[in-house]
Amino acid sequence: MKSVDMNASTQERTIAILGVDGENFEVSGVYQGSARKPSSYILTRTSGDTVSVRDLSSFPSHQQVRDLMS
């Protein structure tokens, strides 16, 4: 029996770079199949220590970035 990868139709794409309080953050969208709207978002700090927050339900505001990374 052939194994099926459930994540085969899931793609992550960088959709924004945010500068918040002198630090840079990358926001990626997680897309299911051919969907045009992300099903969730990933926030990654790209300056200093790399830290990621996954499965955000909406695009993060600057204040949410501050709260999540503090």
C-alpha atoms as a PDB file:
ATOM      1  CA  MET A   1       0.000   0.000   0.000  1.00  0.00           C
ATOM      2  CA  LYS A   2       1.331   3.426  -0.947  1.00  0.00           C
ATOM      3  CA  SER A   3       1.742   6.093   1.759  1.00  0.00           C
ATOM      4  CA  VAL A   4       0.122   9.472   1.073  1.00  0.00           C
ATOM      5  CA  ASP A   5       1.745  12.655   2.412  1.00  0.00           C
ATOM      6  CA  MET A   6      -1.071  14.803   3.809  1.00  0.00           C
ATOM      7  CA  ASN A   7       1.117  17.939   3.591  1.00  0.00           C
ATOM      8  CA  ALA A   8       1.844  17.499  -0.123  1.00  0.00           C
ATOM      9  CA  SER A   9      -0.701  20.175  -1.032  1.00  0.00           C
ATOM     10  CA  THR A  10       0.367  22.606   1.722  1.00  0.00           C
ATOM     11  CA  GLN A  11       2.704  25.453   0.785  1.00  0.00           C
ATOM     12  CA  GLU A  12       4.387  28.187   2.819  1.00  0.00           C
ATOM     13  CA  ARG A  13       5.111  31.485   1.094  1.00  0.00           C
ATOM     14  CA  THR A  14       6.659  34.669   2.483  1.00  0.00           C
ATOM     15  CA  ILE A  15       4.136  37.444   2.103  1.00  0.00           C
ATOM     16  CA  ALA A  16       5.626  40.299   4.151  1.00  0.00           C
ATOM     17  CA  ILE A  17       8.672  41.570   5.992  1.00  0.00           C
ATOM     18  CA  LEU A  18       7.797  43.752   8.976  1.00  0.00           C
ATOM     19  CA  GLY A  19      10.098  46.136  10.827  1.00  0.00           C
ATOM     20  CA  VAL A  20       8.965  46.458  14.443  1.00  0.00           C
ATOM     21  CA  ASP A  21      10.994  48.309  17.085  1.00  0.00           C
ATOM     22  CA  GLY A  22      14.242  47.918  15.157  1.00  0.00           C
ATOM     23  CA  GLU A  23      13.845  44.180  14.519  1.00  0.00           C
ATOM     24  CA  ASN A  24      12.825  42.395  11.316  1.00  0.00           C
ATOM     25  CA  PHE A  25      10.064  39.806  11.139  1.00  0.00           C
ATOM     26  CA  GLU A  26       8.979  37.620   8.230  1.00  0.00           C
ATOM     27  CA  VAL A  27       5.315  36.730   7.845  1.00  0.00           C
ATOM     28  CA  SER A  28       4.602  33.609   5.796  1.00  0.00           C
ATOM     29  CA  GLY A  29       1.223  32.351   4.698  1.00  0.00           C
ATOM     30  CA  VAL A  30       0.304  28.679   4.800  1.00  0.00           C
ATOM     31  CA  TYR A  31      -1.749  27.781   1.746  1.00  0.00           C
ATOM     32  CA  GLN A  32      -3.843  24.634   1.276  1.00  0.00           C
ATOM     33  CA  GLY A  33      -3.926  23.359  -2.280  1.00  0.00           C
ATOM     34  CA  SER A  34      -4.826  26.106  -4.745  1.00  0.00           C
ATOM     35  CA  ALA A  35      -6.374  28.427  -2.135  1.00  0.00           C
ATOM     36  CA  ARG A  36      -5.689  32.130  -2.656  1.00  0.00           C
ATOM     37  CA  LYS A  37      -6.046  33.036   1.023  1.00  0.00           C
ATOM     38  CA  PRO A  38      -3.700  31.579   3.670  1.00  0.00           C
ATOM     39  CA  SER A  39      -5.234  29.151   6.153  1.00  0.00           C
ATOM     40  CA  SER A  40      -2.780  30.362   8.812  1.00  0.00           C
ATOM     41  CA  TYR A  41       0.304  32.526   9.233  1.00  0.00           C
ATOM     42  CA  ILE A  42       3.827  31.998  10.542  1.00  0.00           C
ATOM     43  CA  LEU A  43       5.775  34.828  12.193  1.00  0.00           C
ATOM     44  CA  THR A  44       9.573  34.501  12.288  1.00  0.00           C
ATOM     45  CA  ARG A  45      12.062  36.917  13.840  1.00  0.00           C
ATOM     46  CA  THR A  46      14.895  37.243  11.312  1.00  0.00           C
ATOM     47  CA  SER A  47      17.197  39.510  13.331  1.00  0.00           C
ATOM     48  CA  GLY A  48      19.033  38.272  16.415  1.00  0.00           C
ATOM     49  CA  ASP A  49      17.821  34.936  17.762  1.00  0.00           C
ATOM     50  CA  THR A  50      15.511  33.277  15.250  1.00  0.00           C
ATOM     51  CA  VAL A  51      12.126  32.654  16.869  1.00  0.00           C
ATOM     52  CA  SER A  52       8.993  31.366  15.112  1.00  0.00           C
ATOM     53  CA  VAL A  53       5.340  31.437  16.063  1.00  0.00           C
ATOM     54  CA  ARG A  54       3.171  29.145  13.948  1.00  0.00           C
ATOM     55  CA  ASP A  55      -0.550  28.749  13.321  1.00  0.00           C
ATOM     56  CA  LEU A  56      -1.612  32.365  13.722  1.00  0.00           C
ATOM     57  CA  SER A  57      -5.215  32.712  12.578  1.00  0.00           C
ATOM     58  CA  SER A  58      -4.820  36.244  11.182  1.00  0.00           C
ATOM     59  CA  PHE A  59      -2.096  38.490   9.791  1.00  0.00           C
ATOM     60  CA  PRO A  60      -0.288  39.921  12.854  1.00  0.00           C
ATOM     61  CA  SER A  61      -0.422  43.627  13.681  1.00  0.00           C
ATOM     62  CA  HIS A  62       2.656  45.442  14.954  1.00  0.00           C
ATOM     63  CA  GLN A  63       1.271  45.249  18.498  1.00  0.00           C
ATOM     64  CA  GLN A  64       0.657  41.502  18.177  1.00  0.00           C
ATOM     65  CA  VAL A  65       4.270  41.068  17.016  1.00  0.00           C
ATOM     66  CA  ARG A  66       5.464  42.935  20.130  1.00  0.00           C
ATOM     67  CA  ASP A  67       3.259  40.800  22.401  1.00  0.00           C
ATOM     68  CA  LEU A  68       4.223  37.489  20.780  1.00  0.00           C
ATOM     69  CA  MET A  69       7.962  38.155  20.831  1.00  0.00           C
ATOM     70  CA  SER A  70       8.198  39.591  24.346  1.00  0.00           C
END
